[in-house]
């Protein structure tokens, strides 16, 4: 079996947060790296913009310091893996693009891609998700609610059962100090395999990213940041 994230320990793709200052005209202002002055804004987006927000395979390889990563699955809908987790209240901390997590939040469209080396012993696994909302307020509200879930689930262990696959993941304490929420997790008895989960919003967009390897650090945060940069290029 190929190595993956807690959300995808089978070959099945999950179907398918920066709290920014909202502009009533031009979108959400993004701070420069290091907290410097604002350098650009994310405009109000439409569904047609979502595909270009996702990073190319080449860009993902650059972030992950790899060469063979490519898109292996994609979706334009949410998924439902709630039956496969030991604590459904932590579903949003262990899975991305989950129907139950996004339900009633007002989302209107989603793009979800999984990228990895197309081998059974892949060294990297990435998921990038872009979710559209009617308004910036709704996108920001989803991030705020997710922050509460991530904080509550930090320090716990979650069992995942998908088909004939069982795994246990230790969820780290969430880092909610910056504009992009991040949280690490490690798979038990998997030789150091771990993931970082990142979540942020800008304008009417929510961006979610997973990055997994045997030596993960801030790759998911970088992926989410670069997706926001793409969003600002409209």
Foldseek 3Di string as FASTA:
>chain_A
DADEALAPPDPDDFAFFFDFDADPAAWTFDADPPRHHTDFAFGQDDPVLQVLLADAQVVLCVLVVHDQKHWDDKHKHGHAQQVFKPDSLLCLVRHPRHCVLCPPLAWDIKIKTWIFRPDRHTQKIKMKMKIFHPWQVSRSVSVVVSLVSQQVQAQHKMWGDDPPDIWIKHKHHWDPPHSKIKIKIAIPPPQQKIKMWIWHYITRMIMIMIMIGSDDDCSRVVSRVSSVVSSRPD
